[in-house]
Amino acid sequence: MVIEIACRLTGIGKPRELDDPFVGFSELQPLFELSELGDRYEIPKARRKFFNEDSFAASKPPGTFRIFCLGGSTVQGRPFQKETSFTTFVELGLNVAASSRDWEVINCGGISYASYRLVPILEECLDYEPDLIILCTGHNEFLEERSYGHLRNVAPLAAAPMKVAFQLSSFHAARNLFVSEPDDLVRRRSELGPDVQARLDFRNGLDAYERDDEWRTGVMRHFEFNINRLLRTAKRAGVPVLIAQPPSNLADTPPFKSLPRAGITESELAEHAALLEKARRLQKTDRYAAVAALEASLKIDDRQASVHYQMARLLESLGETSRARDSFVLARDHDICPLRILSPMAESLKAAADGWQVPLLDVHGLLEKKTDEGILDGVWLVDHVHPSVDGHQQIALALMEKLGREKLVALKGNWRTDASTAMRSHVDSIPDVYFLKGEQRLQNLRDWTRGLAEPTDTSK
């Protein structure tokens, strides 16, 4: 303990980029570059395939509170853009509801960016005098092709100590002193390019997703590792973090791909199919009998996401909301193509927030409470994960309230009314063409989730 404290006080034992045993990058590019005049940092055109344009003063003005928001396209504001993201609404709201300070909220939301790609972005942002980091991630972890086979022989009992060790400055100090070459695990990890290459960016990309429990487990372990690494990095720098757990559309988003469980026999498949057909016939005349048929099918195979979704819909129609929600969650969690954060990953977020004593805003729960049935659907989300413009405003108001409770913001008496008015005025000022383009992007997103994207031109 004494050695660990000494390492932290002296700054010895800073983790290296090599210290992610899961993946590495062939090249790391900064997200921000100095403008031609040298007075502002801005996201260069080369990075705007994945990020929206944003910038901030190279020298932070006195009295400015600077917030960086890191995450994927939910942070960015897709299928629209930064102008209607919660990041913009938070900045607008704070500047009228806590006007004694100047508030900057910088949008670092990258399309298809997973937690491991946020680590170097956070490390860079810590050089820009941040006062707060807002982290919203979890939906993009299964998009890129990578292997965890090199960790296959790392027993679960050894995995936890390894995760703890990688959080200790004393561990890295000793490692930097005595290990000149990368560890064997690091040498054999997957290496990713500087830009995201999601499976679904290629036509028929959905075909690349198969049942692979080992890979899925590796992805979830990697996510847990990265969340803790992100929080540890910010804590070392003395910068507060607020985690926003991203929302998922449960009720209106069928699984993107469903497959039978491993090892199912031909006779079991036939019996399972017969029960599904029976449920289909009965759901118009005797929905309770249809539920019974689906329950029987799930005893044969409880891992088919589409059957859980069918069950959820049926239970919802019968008014059994609690059971329906449980089935919707199972449908999401058994999806062969997970484009929504899975339950174990949401638990990892909460555990990390508790462990590092970081506040967490459950955005999913926030929006779900505002639905009539208590199951998050298309009322606040425009597709499987992306909030509507109204949804982003609700998230912004909740974030402001959370910041007030954490004593990071001193909100004025009628702050909610003032902030809401500023947000609505901003939306009203946006030209109609902005929303028309957003609707086109939304259609493109829907095609993308179905594996219908045009082949990616990797030469650009």
Protein backbone atom coordinates (compact mmCIF):
# COMPACT_ATOMS: atom_id res chain seq x y z
CA MET A 1 0.00 0.00 0.00
CA VAL A 2 2.84 2.40 0.86
CA ILE A 3 4.51 1.68 -2.51
CA GLU A 4 1.22 2.23 -4.35
CA ILE A 5 0.64 5.59 -2.64
CA ALA A 6 4.21 6.67 -3.40
CA CYS A 7 3.81 5.72 -7.08
CA ARG A 8 0.60 7.72 -7.37
CA LEU A 9 2.02 10.78 -5.64
CA THR A 10 5.11 10.84 -7.84
CA GLY A 11 3.31 9.92 -11.08
CA ILE A 12 5.41 6.78 -11.50
CA GLY A 13 3.69 3.81 -13.06
CA LYS A 14 1.50 5.49 -15.66
CA PRO A 15 -0.16 2.84 -17.87
CA ARG A 16 1.10 2.54 -21.43
CA GLU A 17 -0.96 2.08 -24.58
CA LEU A 18 0.30 -1.50 -24.56
CA ASP A 19 -1.47 -2.08 -21.27
CA ASP A 20 -4.71 -3.25 -22.87
CA PRO A 21 -4.17 -7.03 -23.13
CA PHE A 22 -7.28 -7.37 -25.32
CA VAL A 23 -6.60 -5.14 -28.37
CA GLY A 24 -4.05 -2.69 -29.74
CA PHE A 25 -4.03 -0.11 -32.54
CA SER A 26 -1.78 0.08 -35.58
CA GLU A 27 -1.91 3.87 -35.34
CA LEU A 28 -3.31 6.44 -32.92
CA GLN A 29 -4.51 9.76 -34.31
CA PRO A 30 -5.41 12.76 -32.12
CA LEU A 31 -9.08 13.75 -32.15
CA PHE A 32 -8.26 17.47 -31.95
CA GLU A 33 -5.72 19.60 -33.80
CA LEU A 34 -4.79 23.27 -33.45
CA SER A 35 -6.49 25.55 -35.96
CA GLU A 36 -4.45 27.44 -38.55
CA LEU A 37 -4.46 30.49 -36.29
CA GLY A 38 -3.36 28.36 -33.35
CA ASP A 39 -6.07 29.75 -31.07
CA ARG A 40 -8.50 26.80 -31.04
CA TYR A 41 -8.44 23.04 -30.95
CA GLU A 42 -10.83 21.52 -33.50
CA ILE A 43 -11.80 18.15 -34.87
CA PRO A 44 -10.06 18.04 -38.28
CA LYS A 45 -11.85 17.10 -41.49
CA ALA A 46 -9.98 13.79 -41.58
CA ARG A 47 -11.87 12.66 -38.43
CA ARG A 48 -15.32 13.88 -39.47
CA LYS A 49 -16.32 10.62 -41.07
CA PHE A 50 -16.91 9.45 -37.50
CA PHE A 51 -17.17 12.70 -35.50
CA ASN A 52 -19.10 15.96 -35.85
CA GLU A 53 -17.29 19.26 -36.11
CA ASP A 54 -16.51 20.77 -32.70
CA SER A 55 -13.86 23.04 -31.22
CA PHE A 56 -12.77 24.96 -28.12
CA ALA A 57 -10.29 27.66 -27.17
CA ALA A 58 -6.68 26.52 -26.91
CA SER A 59 -6.33 28.64 -23.79
CA LYS A 60 -9.33 28.12 -21.54
CA PRO A 61 -10.90 31.47 -20.64
CA PRO A 62 -11.22 32.29 -16.92
CA GLY A 63 -14.55 31.28 -15.41
CA THR A 64 -15.16 28.57 -18.02
CA PHE A 65 -16.33 25.10 -16.99
CA ARG A 66 -15.29 22.64 -19.70
CA ILE A 67 -17.08 19.30 -20.16
CA PHE A 68 -16.04 16.59 -22.61
CA CYS A 69 -18.71 14.01 -23.55
CA LEU A 70 -17.27 10.70 -24.76
CA GLY A 71 -19.18 7.87 -26.38
CA GLY A 72 -20.66 6.60 -29.61
CA SER A 73 -23.33 7.86 -31.98
CA THR A 74 -25.83 8.27 -29.13
CA VAL A 75 -23.58 11.04 -27.79
CA GLN A 76 -23.09 12.46 -31.27
CA GLY A 77 -26.85 12.78 -31.79
CA ARG A 78 -27.43 10.35 -34.67
CA PRO A 79 -29.37 10.09 -36.87
CA PHE A 80 -29.31 13.87 -36.56
CA GLN A 81 -26.16 15.70 -35.54
CA LYS A 82 -24.52 17.54 -32.69
CA GLU A 83 -26.98 20.42 -32.88
CA THR A 84 -29.73 18.28 -31.31
CA SER A 85 -27.56 16.07 -29.12
CA PHE A 86 -27.91 16.18 -25.36
CA THR A 87 -24.43 17.71 -25.30
CA THR A 88 -25.69 20.85 -27.04
CA PHE A 89 -28.81 20.95 -24.89
CA VAL A 90 -26.74 20.65 -21.69
CA GLU A 91 -24.57 23.57 -22.78
CA LEU A 92 -27.62 25.68 -23.67
CA GLY A 93 -29.36 24.78 -20.43
CA LEU A 94 -26.40 25.44 -18.16
CA ASN A 95 -25.66 28.80 -19.73
CA VAL A 96 -29.14 30.05 -18.80
CA ALA A 97 -29.70 28.06 -15.60
CA ALA A 98 -26.25 28.65 -14.07
CA SER A 99 -25.17 31.81 -15.86
CA SER A 100 -22.56 32.84 -13.30
CA ARG A 101 -20.11 30.69 -15.28
CA ASP A 102 -19.43 30.06 -18.95
CA TRP A 103 -20.17 26.46 -19.90
CA GLU A 104 -18.48 24.53 -22.71
CA VAL A 105 -19.69 21.06 -23.62
CA ILE A 106 -17.56 19.37 -26.28
CA ASN A 107 -19.05 16.48 -28.24
CA CYS A 108 -16.62 13.56 -28.62
CA GLY A 109 -19.21 11.05 -29.84
CA GLY A 110 -17.80 8.78 -32.55
CA ILE A 111 -19.94 6.65 -34.84
CA SER A 112 -19.48 2.96 -33.93
CA TYR A 113 -16.85 3.87 -31.30
CA ALA A 114 -16.60 1.28 -28.54
CA SER A 115 -15.11 1.70 -25.07
CA TYR A 116 -11.61 0.59 -26.10
CA ARG A 117 -11.47 3.38 -28.70
CA LEU A 118 -12.48 5.94 -26.06
CA VAL A 119 -9.40 5.29 -23.91
CA PRO A 120 -6.92 7.25 -26.10
CA ILE A 121 -9.54 9.98 -26.59
CA LEU A 122 -9.91 10.38 -22.84
CA GLU A 123 -6.14 10.47 -22.39
CA GLU A 124 -5.98 13.24 -25.00
CA CYS A 125 -8.88 15.25 -23.53
CA LEU A 126 -7.22 15.26 -20.12
CA ASP A 127 -4.58 17.56 -21.65
CA TYR A 128 -7.22 20.19 -22.47
CA GLU A 129 -8.11 21.36 -18.94
CA PRO A 130 -11.39 19.47 -18.52
CA ASP A 131 -13.57 20.11 -15.48
CA LEU A 132 -15.80 17.08 -16.08
CA ILE A 133 -16.00 13.99 -18.28
CA ILE A 134 -19.39 12.54 -19.22
CA LEU A 135 -19.07 8.94 -20.41
CA CYS A 136 -21.89 7.21 -22.30
CA THR A 137 -20.87 3.90 -23.88
CA GLY A 138 -21.90 0.25 -24.23
CA HIS A 139 -23.79 -0.19 -27.51
CA ASN A 140 -20.84 -0.61 -29.90
CA GLU A 141 -18.76 -3.32 -28.24
CA PHE A 142 -19.68 -6.10 -30.69
CA LEU A 143 -19.19 -4.21 -33.95
CA GLU A 144 -15.53 -4.78 -34.79
CA GLU A 145 -13.90 -8.08 -35.64
CA ARG A 146 -11.32 -9.10 -33.06
CA SER A 147 -10.19 -12.24 -31.28
CA TYR A 148 -9.91 -13.11 -27.61
CA GLY A 149 -8.43 -16.55 -28.17
CA HIS A 150 -5.12 -15.49 -26.62
CA LEU A 151 -7.00 -15.07 -23.33
CA ARG A 152 -8.65 -18.48 -23.56
CA ASN A 153 -6.28 -20.00 -21.05
CA VAL A 154 -6.60 -17.17 -18.56
CA ALA A 155 -8.80 -18.81 -15.96
CA PRO A 156 -11.73 -16.80 -14.57
CA LEU A 157 -10.06 -16.85 -11.15
CA ALA A 158 -6.99 -15.25 -12.70
CA ALA A 159 -8.97 -12.70 -14.71
CA ALA A 160 -10.10 -10.72 -11.66
CA PRO A 161 -6.58 -10.34 -10.20
CA MET A 162 -5.30 -9.34 -13.64
CA LYS A 163 -7.98 -6.62 -13.88
CA VAL A 164 -7.07 -5.34 -10.41
CA ALA A 165 -3.35 -5.39 -11.19
CA PHE A 166 -3.80 -3.30 -14.31
CA GLN A 167 -5.41 -0.59 -12.15
CA LEU A 168 -2.37 -0.28 -9.84
CA SER A 169 0.42 2.23 -10.42
CA SER A 170 2.85 -0.02 -8.53
CA PHE A 171 2.12 -2.87 -10.94
CA HIS A 172 2.89 -0.67 -13.97
CA ALA A 173 6.00 0.78 -12.30
CA ALA A 174 7.42 -2.70 -11.72
CA ARG A 175 6.40 -3.80 -15.18
CA ASN A 176 7.99 -0.78 -16.86
CA LEU A 177 11.18 -1.37 -14.87
CA PHE A 178 11.61 -5.11 -15.41
CA VAL A 179 9.73 -5.83 -18.67
CA SER A 180 11.34 -4.29 -21.75
CA GLU A 181 9.34 -6.28 -24.29
CA PRO A 182 5.54 -6.49 -24.44
CA ASP A 183 3.98 -9.31 -22.47
CA ASP A 184 3.10 -12.47 -24.38
CA LEU A 185 -0.61 -11.70 -23.97
CA VAL A 186 -0.08 -8.25 -25.45
CA ARG A 187 1.94 -9.60 -28.40
CA ARG A 188 -0.88 -11.96 -29.36
CA ARG A 189 -3.80 -9.53 -29.01
CA SER A 190 -5.82 -8.25 -31.98
CA GLU A 191 -4.54 -5.12 -33.69
CA LEU A 192 -7.11 -2.66 -35.01
CA GLY A 193 -6.68 0.13 -37.52
CA PRO A 194 -7.01 3.85 -36.68
CA ASP A 195 -10.60 3.92 -38.00
CA VAL A 196 -13.56 1.73 -37.09
CA GLN A 197 -14.34 -1.09 -39.47
CA ALA A 198 -17.64 -2.44 -38.25
CA ARG A 199 -18.90 -5.75 -39.58
CA LEU A 200 -22.15 -4.11 -40.60
CA ASP A 201 -20.32 -1.51 -42.70
CA PHE A 202 -20.03 -4.24 -45.34
CA ARG A 203 -22.90 -5.68 -47.35
CA ASN A 204 -24.27 -8.87 -45.81
CA GLY A 205 -22.38 -8.00 -42.64
CA LEU A 206 -25.12 -9.62 -40.59
CA ASP A 207 -23.94 -13.00 -41.91
CA ALA A 208 -20.67 -12.55 -40.00
CA TYR A 209 -22.52 -12.90 -36.69
CA GLU A 210 -22.79 -16.48 -35.46
CA ARG A 211 -23.32 -17.98 -32.04
CA ASP A 212 -19.94 -17.72 -30.30
CA ASP A 213 -20.23 -17.74 -26.52
CA GLU A 214 -16.47 -17.56 -26.00
CA TRP A 215 -16.18 -14.40 -28.10
CA ARG A 216 -19.20 -12.84 -26.42
CA THR A 217 -17.68 -13.49 -23.00
CA GLY A 218 -14.39 -11.95 -24.16
CA VAL A 219 -16.17 -8.82 -25.40
CA MET A 220 -17.96 -8.36 -22.09
CA ARG A 221 -14.76 -8.88 -20.10
CA HIS A 222 -13.02 -6.34 -22.32
CA PHE A 223 -15.83 -3.84 -21.75
CA GLU A 224 -15.58 -4.25 -17.99
CA PHE A 225 -11.81 -3.79 -18.18
CA ASN A 226 -12.12 -0.63 -20.26
CA ILE A 227 -14.76 1.01 -18.07
CA ASN A 228 -12.51 0.56 -15.06
CA ARG A 229 -9.51 1.77 -17.04
CA LEU A 230 -11.36 4.91 -18.17
CA LEU A 231 -12.46 5.73 -14.62
CA ARG A 232 -9.03 5.03 -13.20
CA THR A 233 -7.39 7.30 -15.82
CA ALA A 234 -9.72 10.19 -15.01
CA LYS A 235 -9.32 9.65 -11.28
CA ARG A 236 -5.53 9.76 -11.57
CA ALA A 237 -5.89 13.12 -13.32
CA GLY A 238 -8.26 14.41 -10.65
CA VAL A 239 -11.09 15.00 -13.14
CA PRO A 240 -14.66 14.11 -12.10
CA VAL A 241 -16.63 11.67 -14.25
CA LEU A 242 -20.35 11.15 -14.69
CA ILE A 243 -21.50 7.91 -16.35
CA ALA A 244 -24.67 7.88 -18.44
CA GLN A 245 -26.00 4.37 -19.00
CA PRO A 246 -27.28 4.39 -22.60
CA PRO A 247 -30.90 3.52 -23.43
CA SER A 248 -32.17 0.55 -25.46
CA ASN A 249 -35.43 0.24 -27.34
CA LEU A 250 -36.89 -2.96 -25.90
CA ALA A 251 -40.50 -3.03 -27.10
CA ASP A 252 -40.16 -1.87 -30.71
CA THR A 253 -36.88 -3.50 -31.71
CA PRO A 254 -36.95 -7.21 -32.60
CA PRO A 255 -33.63 -9.06 -32.30
CA PHE A 256 -31.39 -8.43 -35.28
CA LYS A 257 -30.45 -12.10 -35.54
CA SER A 258 -31.74 -15.21 -33.80
CA LEU A 259 -30.25 -18.71 -33.92
CA PRO A 260 -30.97 -22.04 -32.16
CA ARG A 261 -28.90 -23.03 -29.19
CA ALA A 262 -25.76 -25.05 -29.74
CA GLY A 263 -26.23 -28.82 -29.73
CA ILE A 264 -29.95 -28.86 -30.49
CA THR A 265 -31.00 -32.05 -32.28
CA GLU A 266 -33.11 -32.41 -35.42
CA SER A 267 -35.99 -33.88 -33.44
CA GLU A 268 -35.82 -31.01 -30.95
CA LEU A 269 -35.81 -28.50 -33.80
CA ALA A 270 -38.90 -30.14 -35.28
CA GLU A 271 -40.74 -30.14 -31.95
CA HIS A 272 -39.70 -26.55 -31.33
CA ALA A 273 -40.97 -25.45 -34.75
CA ALA A 274 -44.28 -27.24 -34.17
CA LEU A 275 -44.79 -25.41 -30.88
CA LEU A 276 -44.04 -22.06 -32.52
CA GLU A 277 -46.58 -22.80 -35.23
CA LYS A 278 -49.11 -23.77 -32.58
CA ALA A 279 -48.50 -20.48 -30.77
CA ARG A 280 -48.92 -18.57 -34.02
CA ARG A 281 -52.31 -20.20 -34.66
CA LEU A 282 -53.54 -19.70 -31.10
CA GLN A 283 -52.53 -16.08 -30.56
CA LYS A 284 -55.69 -14.83 -32.33
CA THR A 285 -58.12 -17.13 -30.52
CA ASP A 286 -56.54 -18.09 -27.18
CA ARG A 287 -53.55 -15.98 -26.23
CA TYR A 288 -53.02 -17.75 -22.90
CA ALA A 289 -52.76 -21.07 -24.71
CA ALA A 290 -50.32 -19.40 -27.13
CA VAL A 291 -48.20 -18.34 -24.14
CA ALA A 292 -48.23 -21.93 -22.89
CA ALA A 293 -47.02 -23.15 -26.29
CA LEU A 294 -44.19 -20.62 -26.29
CA GLU A 295 -43.23 -21.60 -22.74
CA ALA A 296 -43.00 -25.21 -23.90
CA SER A 297 -40.82 -24.16 -26.83
CA LEU A 298 -38.49 -22.28 -24.48
CA LYS A 299 -38.00 -25.42 -22.42
CA ILE A 300 -36.51 -26.97 -25.55
CA ASP A 301 -34.46 -23.92 -26.53
CA ASP A 302 -34.33 -20.87 -24.27
CA ARG A 303 -31.68 -19.05 -26.29
CA GLN A 304 -33.61 -18.06 -29.39
CA ALA A 305 -33.96 -14.30 -29.11
CA SER A 306 -36.88 -14.14 -31.55
CA VAL A 307 -38.98 -16.48 -29.37
CA HIS A 308 -38.40 -14.33 -26.29
CA TYR A 309 -39.47 -11.30 -28.31
CA GLN A 310 -42.61 -13.11 -29.51
CA MET A 311 -43.38 -14.06 -25.91
CA ALA A 312 -42.87 -10.46 -24.78
CA ARG A 313 -45.26 -9.13 -27.38
CA LEU A 314 -47.88 -11.68 -26.41
CA LEU A 315 -47.56 -10.97 -22.69
CA GLU A 316 -47.71 -7.23 -23.38
CA SER A 317 -50.99 -7.70 -25.24
CA LEU A 318 -52.36 -9.53 -22.19
CA GLY A 319 -51.41 -6.67 -19.90
CA GLU A 320 -48.71 -8.67 -18.09
CA THR A 321 -46.24 -5.81 -18.29
CA SER A 322 -43.66 -7.04 -15.79
CA ARG A 323 -43.32 -10.47 -17.42
CA ALA A 324 -43.34 -8.84 -20.84
CA ARG A 325 -40.45 -6.57 -19.90
CA ASP A 326 -38.42 -9.52 -18.63
CA SER A 327 -38.94 -11.27 -21.97
CA PHE A 328 -38.01 -8.15 -23.94
CA VAL A 329 -34.75 -7.98 -21.98
CA LEU A 330 -34.06 -11.66 -22.69
CA ALA A 331 -34.70 -11.02 -26.38
CA ARG A 332 -32.10 -8.24 -26.32
CA ASP A 333 -29.59 -10.24 -24.31
CA HIS A 334 -29.81 -13.33 -26.56
CA ASP A 335 -29.50 -11.34 -29.80
CA ILE A 336 -26.79 -12.92 -31.96
CA CYS A 337 -25.99 -9.44 -33.31
CA PRO A 338 -25.91 -7.34 -30.11
CA LEU A 339 -26.31 -3.71 -31.12
CA ARG A 340 -27.69 -2.78 -27.69
CA ILE A 341 -25.88 -2.91 -24.37
CA LEU A 342 -26.40 -6.28 -22.68
CA SER A 343 -27.57 -6.71 -19.09
CA PRO A 344 -24.19 -7.96 -17.77
CA MET A 345 -22.53 -4.91 -19.32
CA ALA A 346 -25.03 -2.56 -17.68
CA GLU A 347 -24.19 -4.29 -14.40
CA SER A 348 -20.48 -3.73 -15.10
CA LEU A 349 -21.18 -0.01 -15.55
CA LYS A 350 -22.99 0.16 -12.23
CA ALA A 351 -20.34 -1.88 -10.42
CA ALA A 352 -17.55 0.32 -11.79
CA ALA A 353 -19.45 3.48 -10.83
CA ASP A 354 -19.89 2.13 -7.31
CA GLY A 355 -16.29 0.96 -7.06
CA TRP A 356 -14.81 4.26 -8.20
CA GLN A 357 -17.50 6.33 -6.42
CA VAL A 358 -18.61 7.91 -9.68
CA PRO A 359 -22.20 9.16 -10.16
CA LEU A 360 -24.27 7.24 -12.71
CA LEU A 361 -27.38 8.43 -14.54
CA ASP A 362 -29.51 5.53 -15.74
CA VAL A 363 -30.74 7.06 -18.99
CA HIS A 364 -32.55 3.86 -19.91
CA GLY A 365 -34.49 3.92 -16.64
CA LEU A 366 -35.08 7.67 -16.95
CA LEU A 367 -36.80 7.37 -20.34
CA GLU A 368 -38.55 4.13 -19.46
CA LYS A 369 -40.31 5.80 -16.54
CA LYS A 370 -41.74 8.30 -19.02
CA THR A 371 -43.43 5.59 -21.14
CA ASP A 372 -47.03 4.59 -20.54
CA GLU A 373 -46.33 0.87 -20.10
CA GLY A 374 -42.98 1.18 -18.33
CA ILE A 375 -41.13 -0.55 -21.18
CA LEU A 376 -38.82 1.65 -23.26
CA ASP A 377 -40.06 1.85 -26.84
CA GLY A 378 -40.16 4.20 -29.82
CA VAL A 379 -41.71 7.09 -27.92
CA TRP A 380 -38.32 8.46 -26.85
CA LEU A 381 -36.04 6.56 -29.25
CA VAL A 382 -36.10 6.77 -33.05
CA ASP A 383 -34.58 3.32 -33.57
CA HIS A 384 -32.90 0.60 -31.49
CA VAL A 385 -30.74 2.98 -29.41
CA HIS A 386 -30.79 6.58 -30.61
CA PRO A 387 -32.92 9.10 -28.70
CA SER A 388 -35.30 11.42 -30.46
CA VAL A 389 -34.72 15.18 -30.29
CA ASP A 390 -37.19 15.32 -27.40
CA GLY A 391 -35.39 12.37 -25.81
CA HIS A 392 -32.07 14.23 -25.96
CA GLN A 393 -33.68 17.18 -24.20
CA GLN A 394 -34.97 14.92 -21.43
CA ILE A 395 -31.49 13.44 -21.03
CA ALA A 396 -29.96 16.93 -20.87
CA LEU A 397 -32.37 18.05 -18.15
CA ALA A 398 -31.65 14.90 -16.14
CA LEU A 399 -27.91 15.42 -16.50
CA MET A 400 -28.25 19.00 -15.29
CA GLU A 401 -30.24 17.83 -12.28
CA LYS A 402 -27.61 15.17 -11.56
CA LEU A 403 -24.82 17.74 -11.77
CA GLY A 404 -26.74 19.92 -9.32
CA ARG A 405 -27.10 17.07 -6.86
CA GLU A 406 -23.38 16.33 -7.16
CA LYS A 407 -22.63 20.00 -6.31
CA LEU A 408 -20.88 20.50 -9.65
CA VAL A 409 -23.47 23.06 -10.71
CA ALA A 410 -25.33 25.75 -8.77
CA LEU A 411 -28.72 25.80 -10.51
CA LYS A 412 -31.05 28.80 -10.18
CA GLY A 413 -34.59 28.52 -8.80
CA ASN A 414 -36.56 28.05 -12.05
CA TRP A 415 -33.70 26.37 -13.83
CA ARG A 416 -35.77 23.62 -15.47
CA THR A 417 -38.22 26.08 -17.04
CA ASP A 418 -35.43 28.38 -18.22
CA ALA A 419 -33.40 25.50 -19.64
CA SER A 420 -36.40 23.93 -21.38
CA THR A 421 -37.31 27.26 -22.96
CA ALA A 422 -33.75 27.72 -24.27
CA MET A 423 -33.74 24.20 -25.71
CA ARG A 424 -37.08 24.62 -27.47
CA SER A 425 -36.05 27.97 -28.92
CA HIS A 426 -32.87 26.39 -30.26
CA VAL A 427 -34.78 23.55 -31.93
CA ASP A 428 -37.27 26.01 -33.46
CA SER A 429 -34.39 27.95 -35.01
CA ILE A 430 -33.01 24.92 -36.89
CA PRO A 431 -33.94 24.78 -40.60
CA ASP A 432 -36.30 22.00 -41.74
CA VAL A 433 -33.65 20.57 -44.06
CA TYR A 434 -31.65 19.52 -40.99
CA PHE A 435 -34.44 17.18 -39.91
CA LEU A 436 -35.05 15.91 -43.46
CA LYS A 437 -31.40 14.89 -43.67
CA GLY A 438 -31.74 13.22 -40.28
CA GLU A 439 -34.68 11.16 -41.53
CA GLN A 440 -32.58 10.00 -44.48
CA ARG A 441 -29.76 9.00 -42.12
CA LEU A 442 -32.31 7.13 -40.02
CA GLN A 443 -33.35 5.06 -43.03
CA ASN A 444 -29.70 4.38 -43.79
CA LEU A 445 -29.22 3.29 -40.18
CA ARG A 446 -32.13 0.86 -40.45
CA ASP A 447 -30.65 -0.63 -43.61
CA TRP A 448 -27.27 -0.88 -41.85
CA THR A 449 -28.72 -2.86 -38.94
CA ARG A 450 -30.20 -5.32 -41.46
CA GLY A 451 -26.80 -5.88 -43.08
CA LEU A 452 -27.75 -3.91 -46.20
CA ALA A 453 -24.95 -1.35 -46.12
CA GLU A 454 -23.03 -0.68 -49.31
CA PRO A 455 -19.52 -2.16 -49.37
CA THR A 456 -17.04 0.12 -47.62
CA ASP A 457 -14.38 1.69 -49.83
CA THR A 458 -11.31 1.11 -47.66
CA SER A 459 -9.11 3.18 -50.00
CA LYS A 460 -10.69 6.44 -48.76
